[in-house]
PDB file of all heavy atoms in Angstrom:
ATOM      1  N   GLY A   1      76.972  57.101  -0.349  1.00  0.00           N
ATOM      2  CA  GLY A   1      77.288  58.383   0.275  1.00  0.00           C
ATOM      3  C   GLY A   1      77.411  58.308   1.788  1.00  0.00           C
ATOM      4  O   GLY A   1      76.928  57.389   2.440  1.00  0.00           O
ATOM      5  N   SER A   2      78.067  59.305   2.349  1.00  0.00           N
ATOM      6  CA  SER A   2      78.232  59.377   3.793  1.00  0.00           C
ATOM      7  C   SER A   2      76.957  59.916   4.440  1.00  0.00           C
ATOM      8  O   SER A   2      76.098  60.484   3.778  1.00  0.00           O
ATOM      9  CB  SER A   2      79.418  60.271   4.145  1.00  0.00           C
ATOM     10  OG  SER A   2      79.179  61.582   3.682  1.00  0.00           O
ATOM     11  N   GLU A   3      76.856  59.729   5.756  1.00  0.00           N
ATOM     12  CA  GLU A   3      75.712  60.218   6.518  1.00  0.00           C
ATOM     13  C   GLU A   3      76.206  60.984   7.734  1.00  0.00           C
ATOM     14  O   GLU A   3      77.203  60.607   8.346  1.00  0.00           O
ATOM     15  CB  GLU A   3      74.838  59.057   6.998  1.00  0.00           C
ATOM     16  CG  GLU A   3      74.104  58.327   5.920  1.00  0.00           C
ATOM     17  CD  GLU A   3      73.201  57.229   6.478  1.00  0.00           C
ATOM     18  OE1 GLU A   3      73.255  56.969   7.699  1.00  0.00           O
ATOM     19  OE2 GLU A   3      72.455  56.650   5.690  1.00  0.00           O
ATOM     20  N   LEU A   4      75.496  62.052   8.071  1.00  0.00           N
ATOM     21  CA  LEU A   4      75.759  62.794   9.293  1.00  0.00           C
ATOM     22  C   LEU A   4      74.428  63.006   9.980  1.00  0.00           C
ATOM     23  O   LEU A   4      73.519  63.607   9.418  1.00  0.00           O
ATOM     24  CB  LEU A   4      76.427  64.139   8.996  1.00  0.00           C
ATOM     25  CG  LEU A   4      76.760  64.975  10.219  1.00  0.00           C
ATOM     26  CD1 LEU A   4      77.826  64.276  11.068  1.00  0.00           C
ATOM     27  CD2 LEU A   4      77.252  66.344   9.817  1.00  0.00           C
ATOM     28  N   ARG A   5      74.315  62.477  11.189  1.00  0.00           N
ATOM     29  CA  ARG A   5      73.069  62.576  11.943  1.00  0.00           C
ATOM     30  C   ARG A   5      73.322  63.272  13.268  1.00  0.00           C
ATOM     31  O   ARG A   5      74.373  63.110  13.876  1.00  0.00           O
ATOM     32  CB  ARG A   5      72.479  61.191  12.199  1.00  0.00           C
ATOM     33  CG  ARG A   5      72.123  60.466  10.930  1.00  0.00           C
ATOM     34  CD  ARG A   5      71.309  59.232  11.212  1.00  0.00           C
ATOM     35  NE  ARG A   5      70.701  58.729  10.003  1.00  0.00           N
ATOM     36  CZ  ARG A   5      69.561  59.162   9.496  1.00  0.00           C
ATOM     37  NH1 ARG A   5      68.902  60.103  10.098  1.00  0.00           N
ATOM     38  NH2 ARG A   5      69.090  58.657   8.385  1.00  0.00           N
ATOM     39  N   LEU A   6      72.318  64.028  13.700  1.00  0.00           N
ATOM     40  CA  LEU A   6      72.340  64.669  15.000  1.00  0.00           C
ATOM     41  C   LEU A   6      71.490  63.812  15.929  1.00  0.00           C
ATOM     42  O   LEU A   6      70.316  63.566  15.665  1.00  0.00           O
ATOM     43  CB  LEU A   6      71.769  66.083  14.903  1.00  0.00           C
ATOM     44  CG  LEU A   6      71.845  66.937  16.148  1.00  0.00           C
ATOM     45  CD1 LEU A   6      73.297  67.219  16.491  1.00  0.00           C
ATOM     46  CD2 LEU A   6      71.105  68.230  15.936  1.00  0.00           C
ATOM     47  N   SER A   7      72.090  63.301  16.991  1.00  0.00           N
ATOM     48  CA  SER A   7      71.414  62.395  17.908  1.00  0.00           C
ATOM     49  C   SER A   7      71.264  63.066  19.256  1.00  0.00           C
ATOM     50  O   SER A   7      72.189  63.693  19.763  1.00  0.00           O
ATOM     51  CB  SER A   7      72.237  61.117  18.051  1.00  0.00           C
ATOM     52  OG  SER A   7      71.648  60.266  18.987  1.00  0.00           O
ATOM     53  N   GLY A   8      70.068  62.950  19.838  1.00  0.00           N
ATOM     54  CA  GLY A   8      69.811  63.526  21.150  1.00  0.00           C
ATOM     55  C   GLY A   8      68.428  63.142  21.634  1.00  0.00           C
ATOM     56  O   GLY A   8      67.679  62.442  20.957  1.00  0.00           O
ATOM     57  N   PHE A   9      68.085  63.623  22.822  1.00  0.00           N
ATOM     58  CA  PHE A   9      66.781  63.349  23.424  1.00  0.00           C
ATOM     59  C   PHE A   9      65.885  64.563  23.264  1.00  0.00           C
ATOM     60  O   PHE A   9      66.308  65.688  23.523  1.00  0.00           O
ATOM     61  CB  PHE A   9      66.940  63.036  24.914  1.00  0.00           C
ATOM     62  CG  PHE A   9      67.702  61.767  25.175  1.00  0.00           C
ATOM     63  CD1 PHE A   9      69.052  61.811  25.458  1.00  0.00           C
ATOM     64  CD2 PHE A   9      67.069  60.543  25.136  1.00  0.00           C
ATOM     65  CE1 PHE A   9      69.761  60.642  25.700  1.00  0.00           C
ATOM     66  CE2 PHE A   9      67.768  59.376  25.366  1.00  0.00           C
ATOM     67  CZ  PHE A   9      69.115  59.424  25.654  1.00  0.00           C
ATOM     68  N   ASP A  10      64.611  64.336  22.850  1.00  0.00           N
ATOM     69  CA  ASP A  10      63.672  65.446  22.726  1.00  0.00           C
ATOM     70  C   ASP A  10      62.994  65.708  24.071  1.00  0.00           C
ATOM     71  O   ASP A  10      63.372  65.132  25.092  1.00  0.00           O
ATOM     72  CB  ASP A  10      62.657  65.187  21.611  1.00  0.00           C
ATOM     73  CG  ASP A  10      61.792  63.973  21.850  1.00  0.00           C
ATOM     74  OD1 ASP A  10      61.937  63.318  22.903  1.00  0.00           O
ATOM     75  OD2 ASP A  10      60.966  63.664  20.982  1.00  0.00           O
ATOM     76  N   GLU A  11      61.975  66.589  24.080  1.00  0.00           N
ATOM     77  CA  GLU A  11      61.316  66.988  25.321  1.00  0.00           C
ATOM     78  C   GLU A  11      60.634  65.823  26.029  1.00  0.00           C
ATOM     79  O   GLU A  11      60.521  65.791  27.246  1.00  0.00           O
ATOM     80  CB  GLU A  11      60.278  68.083  25.048  1.00  0.00           C
ATOM     81  CG  GLU A  11      60.854  69.392  24.576  1.00  0.00           C
ATOM     82  CD  GLU A  11      60.919  69.474  23.063  1.00  0.00           C
ATOM     83  OE1 GLU A  11      60.547  68.503  22.372  1.00  0.00           O
ATOM     84  OE2 GLU A  11      61.356  70.521  22.562  1.00  0.00           O
ATOM     85  N   SER A  12      60.167  64.843  25.258  1.00  0.00           N
ATOM     86  CA  SER A  12      59.473  63.698  25.853  1.00  0.00           C
ATOM     87  C   SER A  12      60.422  62.579  26.286  1.00  0.00           C
ATOM     88  O   SER A  12      59.976  61.571  26.812  1.00  0.00           O
ATOM     89  CB  SER A  12      58.432  63.144  24.875  1.00  0.00           C
ATOM     90  OG  SER A  12      59.065  62.658  23.718  1.00  0.00           O
ATOM     91  N   GLY A  13      61.716  62.735  26.051  1.00  0.00           N
ATOM     92  CA  GLY A  13      62.697  61.738  26.452  1.00  0.00           C
ATOM     93  C   GLY A  13      62.992  60.681  25.409  1.00  0.00           C
ATOM     94  O   GLY A  13      63.740  59.749  25.667  1.00  0.00           O
ATOM     95  N   LYS A  14      62.403  60.813  24.204  1.00  0.00           N
ATOM     96  CA  LYS A  14      62.669  59.862  23.135  1.00  0.00           C
ATOM     97  C   LYS A  14      63.961  60.228  22.414  1.00  0.00           C
ATOM     98  O   LYS A  14      64.276  61.397  22.247  1.00  0.00           O
ATOM     99  CB  LYS A  14      61.518  59.865  22.136  1.00  0.00           C
ATOM    100  CG  LYS A  14      60.228  59.286  22.672  1.00  0.00           C
ATOM    101  CD  LYS A  14      59.100  59.425  21.695  1.00  0.00           C
ATOM    102  CE  LYS A  14      59.372  58.664  20.421  1.00  0.00           C
ATOM    103  NZ  LYS A  14      58.250  58.729  19.463  1.00  0.00           N
ATOM    104  N   VAL A  15      64.679  59.211  21.966  1.00  0.00           N
ATOM    105  CA  VAL A  15      65.909  59.435  21.200  1.00  0.00           C
ATOM    106  C   VAL A  15      65.519  59.838  19.784  1.00  0.00           C
ATOM    107  O   VAL A  15      64.706  59.187  19.135  1.00  0.00           O
ATOM    108  CB  VAL A  15      66.780  58.163  21.184  1.00  0.00           C
ATOM    109  CG1 VAL A  15      67.987  58.360  20.294  1.00  0.00           C
ATOM    110  CG2 VAL A  15      67.204  57.784  22.582  1.00  0.00           C
ATOM    111  N   ARG A  16      66.118  60.928  19.307  1.00  0.00           N
ATOM    112  CA  ARG A  16      65.856  61.406  17.948  1.00  0.00           C
ATOM    113  C   ARG A  16      67.165  61.394  17.166  1.00  0.00           C
ATOM    114  O   ARG A  16      68.196  61.830  17.665  1.00  0.00           O
ATOM    115  CB  ARG A  16      65.310  62.838  17.984  1.00  0.00           C
ATOM    116  CG  ARG A  16      64.021  63.015  18.742  1.00  0.00           C
ATOM    117  CD  ARG A  16      62.870  62.493  17.973  1.00  0.00           C
ATOM    118  NE  ARG A  16      62.746  63.233  16.739  1.00  0.00           N
ATOM    119  CZ  ARG A  16      61.615  63.657  16.234  1.00  0.00           C
ATOM    120  NH1 ARG A  16      60.501  63.401  16.827  1.00  0.00           N
ATOM    121  NH2 ARG A  16      61.598  64.318  15.107  1.00  0.00           N
ATOM    122  N   ASN A  17      67.130  60.889  15.949  1.00  0.00           N
ATOM    123  CA  ASN A  17      68.258  60.922  15.016  1.00  0.00           C
ATOM    124  C   ASN A  17      67.801  61.688  13.792  1.00  0.00           C
ATOM    125  O   ASN A  17      66.924  61.230  13.066  1.00  0.00           O
ATOM    126  CB  ASN A  17      68.691  59.513  14.615  1.00  0.00           C
ATOM    127  CG  ASN A  17      69.370  58.791  15.738  1.00  0.00           C
ATOM    128  OD1 ASN A  17      70.215  59.362  16.415  1.00  0.00           O
ATOM    129  ND2 ASN A  17      69.008  57.551  15.960  1.00  0.00           N
ATOM    130  N   ILE A  18      68.406  62.844  13.552  1.00  0.00           N
ATOM    131  CA  ILE A  18      67.977  63.731  12.485  1.00  0.00           C
ATOM    132  C   ILE A  18      69.122  63.910  11.503  1.00  0.00           C
ATOM    133  O   ILE A  18      70.252  64.212  11.903  1.00  0.00           O
ATOM    134  CB  ILE A  18      67.529  65.084  13.054  1.00  0.00           C
ATOM    135  CG1 ILE A  18      66.392  64.861  14.053  1.00  0.00           C
ATOM    136  CG2 ILE A  18      67.105  66.024  11.955  1.00  0.00           C
ATOM    137  CD1 ILE A  18      66.069  66.054  14.888  1.00  0.00           C
ATOM    138  N   ASP A  19      68.835  63.731  10.215  1.00  0.00           N
ATOM    139  CA  ASP A  19      69.836  63.902   9.167  1.00  0.00           C
ATOM    140  C   ASP A  19      70.137  65.395   9.002  1.00  0.00           C
ATOM    141  O   ASP A  19      69.249  66.178   8.689  1.00  0.00           O
ATOM    142  CB  ASP A  19      69.328  63.319   7.861  1.00  0.00           C
ATOM    143  CG  ASP A  19      70.341  63.404   6.750  1.00  0.00           C
ATOM    144  OD1 ASP A  19      71.555  63.448   7.054  1.00  0.00           O
ATOM    145  OD2 ASP A  19      69.940  63.416   5.578  1.00  0.00           O
ATOM    146  N   VAL A  20      71.392  65.794   9.238  1.00  0.00           N
ATOM    147  CA  VAL A  20      71.784  67.197   9.160  1.00  0.00           C
ATOM    148  C   VAL A  20      72.947  67.421   8.207  1.00  0.00           C
ATOM    149  O   VAL A  20      73.579  68.477   8.231  1.00  0.00           O
ATOM    150  CB  VAL A  20      72.142  67.754  10.565  1.00  0.00           C
ATOM    151  CG1 VAL A  20      70.926  67.801  11.447  1.00  0.00           C
ATOM    152  CG2 VAL A  20      73.247  66.949  11.210  1.00  0.00           C
ATOM    153  N   LYS A  21      73.226  66.463   7.355  1.00  0.00           N
ATOM    154  CA  LYS A  21      74.391  66.558   6.476  1.00  0.00           C
ATOM    155  C   LYS A  21      74.333  67.786   5.578  1.00  0.00           C
ATOM    156  O   LYS A  21      75.296  68.559   5.505  1.00  0.00           O
ATOM    157  CB  LYS A  21      74.494  65.294   5.620  1.00  0.00           C
ATOM    158  CG  LYS A  21      75.661  65.322   4.653  1.00  0.00           C
ATOM    159  CD  LYS A  21      75.711  64.069   3.822  1.00  0.00           C
ATOM    160  CE  LYS A  21      76.787  64.155   2.773  1.00  0.00           C
ATOM    161  NZ  LYS A  21      76.831  62.964   1.933  1.00  0.00           N
ATOM    162  N   GLU A  22      73.221  68.006   4.886  1.00  0.00           N
ATOM    163  CA  GLU A  22      73.123  69.135   3.950  1.00  0.00           C
ATOM    164  C   GLU A  22      73.212  70.469   4.671  1.00  0.00           C
ATOM    165  O   GLU A  22      73.848  71.405   4.184  1.00  0.00           O
ATOM    166  CB  GLU A  22      71.821  69.041   3.148  1.00  0.00           C
ATOM    167  CG  GLU A  22      71.758  67.840   2.228  1.00  0.00           C
ATOM    168  CD  GLU A  22      72.891  67.807   1.217  1.00  0.00           C
ATOM    169  OE1 GLU A  22      73.262  68.878   0.686  1.00  0.00           O
ATOM    170  OE2 GLU A  22      73.413  66.714   0.960  1.00  0.00           O
ATOM    171  N   GLU A  23      72.595  70.576   5.832  1.00  0.00           N
ATOM    172  CA  GLU A  23      72.642  71.820   6.598  1.00  0.00           C
ATOM    173  C   GLU A  23      74.072  72.147   7.045  1.00  0.00           C
ATOM    174  O   GLU A  23      74.525  73.284   6.941  1.00  0.00           O
ATOM    175  CB  GLU A  23      71.724  71.721   7.813  1.00  0.00           C
ATOM    176  CG  GLU A  23      71.816  72.883   8.758  1.00  0.00           C
ATOM    177  CD  GLU A  23      71.281  74.182   8.203  1.00  0.00           C
ATOM    178  OE1 GLU A  23      70.499  74.153   7.240  1.00  0.00           O
ATOM    179  OE2 GLU A  23      71.673  75.229   8.733  1.00  0.00           O
ATOM    180  N   ILE A  24      74.810  71.141   7.508  1.00  0.00           N
ATOM    181  CA  ILE A  24      76.195  71.356   7.951  1.00  0.00           C
ATOM    182  C   ILE A  24      77.091  71.696   6.767  1.00  0.00           C
ATOM    183  O   ILE A  24      77.934  72.596   6.851  1.00  0.00           O
ATOM    184  CB  ILE A  24      76.716  70.123   8.720  1.00  0.00           C
ATOM    185  CG1 ILE A  24      75.951  69.947  10.033  1.00  0.00           C
ATOM    186  CG2 ILE A  24      78.209  70.209   8.968  1.00  0.00           C
ATOM    187  CD1 ILE A  24      76.170  71.060  11.032  1.00  0.00           C
ATOM    188  N   LEU A  25      76.918  71.011   5.644  1.00  0.00           N
ATOM    189  CA  LEU A  25      77.725  71.327   4.458  1.00  0.00           C
ATOM    190  C   LEU A  25      77.459  72.758   3.995  1.00  0.00           C
ATOM    191  O   LEU A  25      78.394  73.477   3.631  1.00  0.00           O
ATOM    192  CB  LEU A  25      77.427  70.340   3.329  1.00  0.00           C
ATOM    193  CG  LEU A  25      77.917  68.911   3.536  1.00  0.00           C
ATOM    194  CD1 LEU A  25      77.460  68.028   2.388  1.00  0.00           C
ATOM    195  CD2 LEU A  25      79.418  68.861   3.675  1.00  0.00           C
ATOM    196  N   ASP A  26      76.196  73.194   4.013  1.00  0.00           N
ATOM    197  CA  ASP A  26      75.870  74.575   3.630  1.00  0.00           C
ATOM    198  C   ASP A  26      76.410  75.580   4.633  1.00  0.00           C
ATOM    199  O   ASP A  26      76.915  76.636   4.259  1.00  0.00           O
ATOM    200  CB  ASP A  26      74.354  74.754   3.499  1.00  0.00           C
ATOM    201  CG  ASP A  26      73.789  74.030   2.301  1.00  0.00           C
ATOM    202  OD1 ASP A  26      74.574  73.666   1.401  1.00  0.00           O
ATOM    203  OD2 ASP A  26      72.565  73.827   2.271  1.00  0.00           O
ATOM    204  N   LEU A  27      76.300  75.261   5.922  1.00  0.00           N
ATOM    205  CA  LEU A  27      76.739  76.177   6.972  1.00  0.00           C
ATOM    206  C   LEU A  27      78.237  76.455   6.894  1.00  0.00           C
ATOM    207  O   LEU A  27      78.681  77.583   7.081  1.00  0.00           O
ATOM    208  CB  LEU A  27      76.377  75.594   8.339  1.00  0.00           C
ATOM    209  CG  LEU A  27      76.720  76.416   9.572  1.00  0.00           C
ATOM    210  CD1 LEU A  27      75.942  77.723   9.563  1.00  0.00           C
ATOM    211  CD2 LEU A  27      76.412  75.624  10.825  1.00  0.00           C
ATOM    212  N   PHE A  28      79.022  75.440   6.567  1.00  0.00           N
ATOM    213  CA  PHE A  28      80.474  75.580   6.516  1.00  0.00           C
ATOM    214  C   PHE A  28      81.009  75.720   5.099  1.00  0.00           C
ATOM    215  O   PHE A  28      82.225  75.744   4.907  1.00  0.00           O
ATOM    216  CB  PHE A  28      81.146  74.391   7.208  1.00  0.00           C
ATOM    217  CG  PHE A  28      81.005  74.414   8.698  1.00  0.00           C
ATOM    218  CD1 PHE A  28      79.967  73.750   9.317  1.00  0.00           C
ATOM    219  CD2 PHE A  28      81.897  75.121   9.480  1.00  0.00           C
ATOM    220  CE1 PHE A  28      79.824  73.778  10.688  1.00  0.00           C
ATOM    221  CE2 PHE A  28      81.767  75.153  10.848  1.00  0.00           C
ATOM    222  CZ  PHE A  28      80.724  74.484  11.457  1.00  0.00           C
ATOM    223  N   SER A  29      80.143  75.794   4.103  1.00  0.00           N
ATOM    224  CA  SER A  29      80.538  75.911   2.687  1.00  0.00           C
ATOM    225  C   SER A  29      81.530  74.812   2.301  1.00  0.00           C
ATOM    226  O   SER A  29      82.563  75.067   1.703  1.00  0.00           O
ATOM    227  CB  SER A  29      81.140  77.291   2.410  1.00  0.00           C
ATOM    228  OG  SER A  29      80.215  78.292   2.706  1.00  0.00           O
ATOM    229  N   ARG A  30      81.188  73.590   2.639  1.00  0.00           N
ATOM    230  CA  ARG A  30      82.030  72.441   2.338  1.00  0.00           C
ATOM    231  C   ARG A  30      81.352  71.535   1.332  1.00  0.00           C
ATOM    232  O   ARG A  30      80.137  71.575   1.167  1.00  0.00           O
ATOM    233  CB  ARG A  30      82.312  71.636   3.614  1.00  0.00           C
ATOM    234  CG  ARG A  30      83.157  72.363   4.625  1.00  0.00           C
ATOM    235  CD  ARG A  30      83.338  71.518   5.861  1.00  0.00           C
ATOM    236  NE  ARG A  30      84.107  70.323   5.599  1.00  0.00           N
ATOM    237  CZ  ARG A  30      85.352  70.127   5.995  1.00  0.00           C
ATOM    238  NH1 ARG A  30      85.982  71.062   6.640  1.00  0.00           N
ATOM    239  NH2 ARG A  30      85.962  69.000   5.743  1.00  0.00           N
ATOM    240  N   LYS A  31      82.154  70.690   0.681  1.00  0.00           N
ATOM    241  CA  LYS A  31      81.621  69.696  -0.239  1.00  0.00           C
ATOM    242  C   LYS A  31      81.654  68.301   0.370  1.00  0.00           C
ATOM    243  O   LYS A  31      80.868  67.449  -0.019  1.00  0.00           O
ATOM    244  CB  LYS A  31      82.423  69.696  -1.544  1.00  0.00           C
ATOM    245  CG  LYS A  31      82.271  70.968  -2.329  1.00  0.00           C
ATOM    246  CD  LYS A  31      83.038  70.893  -3.627  1.00  0.00           C
ATOM    247  CE  LYS A  31      82.885  72.178  -4.402  1.00  0.00           C
ATOM    248  NZ  LYS A  31      83.644  72.150  -5.654  1.00  0.00           N
ATOM    249  N   ARG A  32      82.568  68.069   1.300  1.00  0.00           N
ATOM    250  CA  ARG A  32      82.750  66.743   1.876  1.00  0.00           C
ATOM    251  C   ARG A  32      82.855  66.825   3.390  1.00  0.00           C
ATOM    252  O   ARG A  32      83.260  67.831   3.952  1.00  0.00           O
ATOM    253  CB  ARG A  32      84.020  66.101   1.350  1.00  0.00           C
ATOM    254  CG  ARG A  32      83.999  65.845  -0.107  1.00  0.00           C
ATOM    255  CD  ARG A  32      85.268  65.172  -0.558  1.00  0.00           C
ATOM    256  NE  ARG A  32      85.244  64.990  -1.993  1.00  0.00           N
ATOM    257  CZ  ARG A  32      86.299  65.035  -2.748  1.00  0.00           C
ATOM    258  NH1 ARG A  32      87.477  65.225  -2.230  1.00  0.00           N
ATOM    259  NH2 ARG A  32      86.191  64.867  -4.048  1.00  0.00           N
ATOM    260  N   LEU A  33      82.531  65.701   4.022  1.00  0.00           N
ATOM    261  CA  LEU A  33      82.704  65.548   5.457  1.00  0.00           C
ATOM    262  C   LEU A  33      83.871  64.605   5.711  1.00  0.00           C
ATOM    263  O   LEU A  33      84.248  63.832   4.854  1.00  0.00           O
ATOM    264  CB  LEU A  33      81.448  64.938   6.082  1.00  0.00           C
ATOM    265  CG  LEU A  33      80.182  65.759   5.981  1.00  0.00           C
ATOM    266  CD1 LEU A  33      79.006  64.927   6.475  1.00  0.00           C
ATOM    267  CD2 LEU A  33      80.301  67.020   6.781  1.00  0.00           C
ATOM    268  N   GLY A  34      84.394  64.668   6.904  1.00  0.00           N
ATOM    269  CA  GLY A  34      85.461  63.757   7.294  1.00  0.00           C
ATOM    270  C   GLY A  34      85.398  63.495   8.782  1.00  0.00           C
ATOM    271  O   GLY A  34      84.728  64.212   9.533  1.00  0.00           O
ATOM    272  N   GLU A  35      86.098  62.473   9.224  1.00  0.00           N
ATOM    273  CA  GLU A  35      86.086  62.085  10.631  1.00  0.00           C
ATOM    274  C   GLU A  35      86.629  63.204  11.523  1.00  0.00           C
ATOM    275  O   GLU A  35      86.056  63.490  12.577  1.00  0.00           O
ATOM    276  CB  GLU A  35      86.919  60.813  10.796  1.00  0.00           C
ATOM    277  CG  GLU A  35      86.675  60.073  12.079  1.00  0.00           C
ATOM    278  CD  GLU A  35      85.334  59.368  12.102  1.00  0.00           C
ATOM    279  OE1 GLU A  35      84.899  58.851  11.076  1.00  0.00           O
ATOM    280  OE2 GLU A  35      84.723  59.342  13.178  1.00  0.00           O
ATOM    281  N   SER A  36      87.717  63.851  11.119  1.00  0.00           N
ATOM    282  CA  SER A  36      88.293  64.905  11.951  1.00  0.00           C
ATOM    283  C   SER A  36      87.373  66.129  12.032  1.00  0.00           C
ATOM    284  O   SER A  36      87.258  66.756  13.080  1.00  0.00           O
ATOM    285  CB  SER A  36      89.671  65.312  11.422  1.00  0.00           C
ATOM    286  OG  SER A  36      89.554  65.831  10.117  1.00  0.00           O
ATOM    287  N   PHE A  37      86.687  66.448  10.934  1.00  0.00           N
ATOM    288  CA  PHE A  37      85.748  67.563  10.941  1.00  0.00           C
ATOM    289  C   PHE A  37      84.578  67.286  11.888  1.00  0.00           C
ATOM    290  O   PHE A  37      84.162  68.160  12.656  1.00  0.00           O
ATOM    291  CB  PHE A  37      85.239  67.830   9.523  1.00  0.00           C
ATOM    292  CG  PHE A  37      84.207  68.909   9.438  1.00  0.00           C
ATOM    293  CD1 PHE A  37      84.546  70.231   9.674  1.00  0.00           C
ATOM    294  CD2 PHE A  37      82.893  68.599   9.129  1.00  0.00           C
ATOM    295  CE1 PHE A  37      83.589  71.224   9.596  1.00  0.00           C
ATOM    296  CE2 PHE A  37      81.941  69.586   9.051  1.00  0.00           C
ATOM    297  CZ  PHE A  37      82.287  70.904   9.289  1.00  0.00           C
ATOM    298  N   VAL A  38      84.057  66.071  11.884  1.00  0.00           N
ATOM    299  CA  VAL A  38      82.947  65.711  12.764  1.00  0.00           C
ATOM    300  C   VAL A  38      83.397  65.702  14.220  1.00  0.00           C
ATOM    301  O   VAL A  38      82.643  66.100  15.116  1.00  0.00           O
ATOM    302  CB  VAL A  38      82.339  64.354  12.346  1.00  0.00           C
ATOM    303  CG1 VAL A  38      81.268  63.908  13.320  1.00  0.00           C
ATOM    304  CG2 VAL A  38      81.763  64.461  10.950  1.00  0.00           C
ATOM    305  N   ASN A  39      84.642  65.309  14.490  1.00  0.00           N
ATOM    306  CA  ASN A  39      85.165  65.373  15.856  1.00  0.00           C
ATOM    307  C   ASN A  39      85.224  66.808  16.349  1.00  0.00           C
ATOM    308  O   ASN A  39      84.922  67.082  17.521  1.00  0.00           O
ATOM    309  CB  ASN A  39      86.548  64.729  15.933  1.00  0.00           C
ATOM    310  CG  ASN A  39      86.480  63.226  15.768  1.00  0.00           C
ATOM    311  OD1 ASN A  39      85.442  62.615  15.993  1.00  0.00           O
ATOM    312  ND2 ASN A  39      87.583  62.628  15.365  1.00  0.00           N
TER     313      ASN A  39
END
């Protein structure tokens, strides 16, 4: 399966990678992700 992660820095300056695939699919009522959609 594909993966979609949200990457950023938290309050302490550490890099965080959080899996957000299910949340994004639910938010947009989609079944699949694609490169153009992520762009």
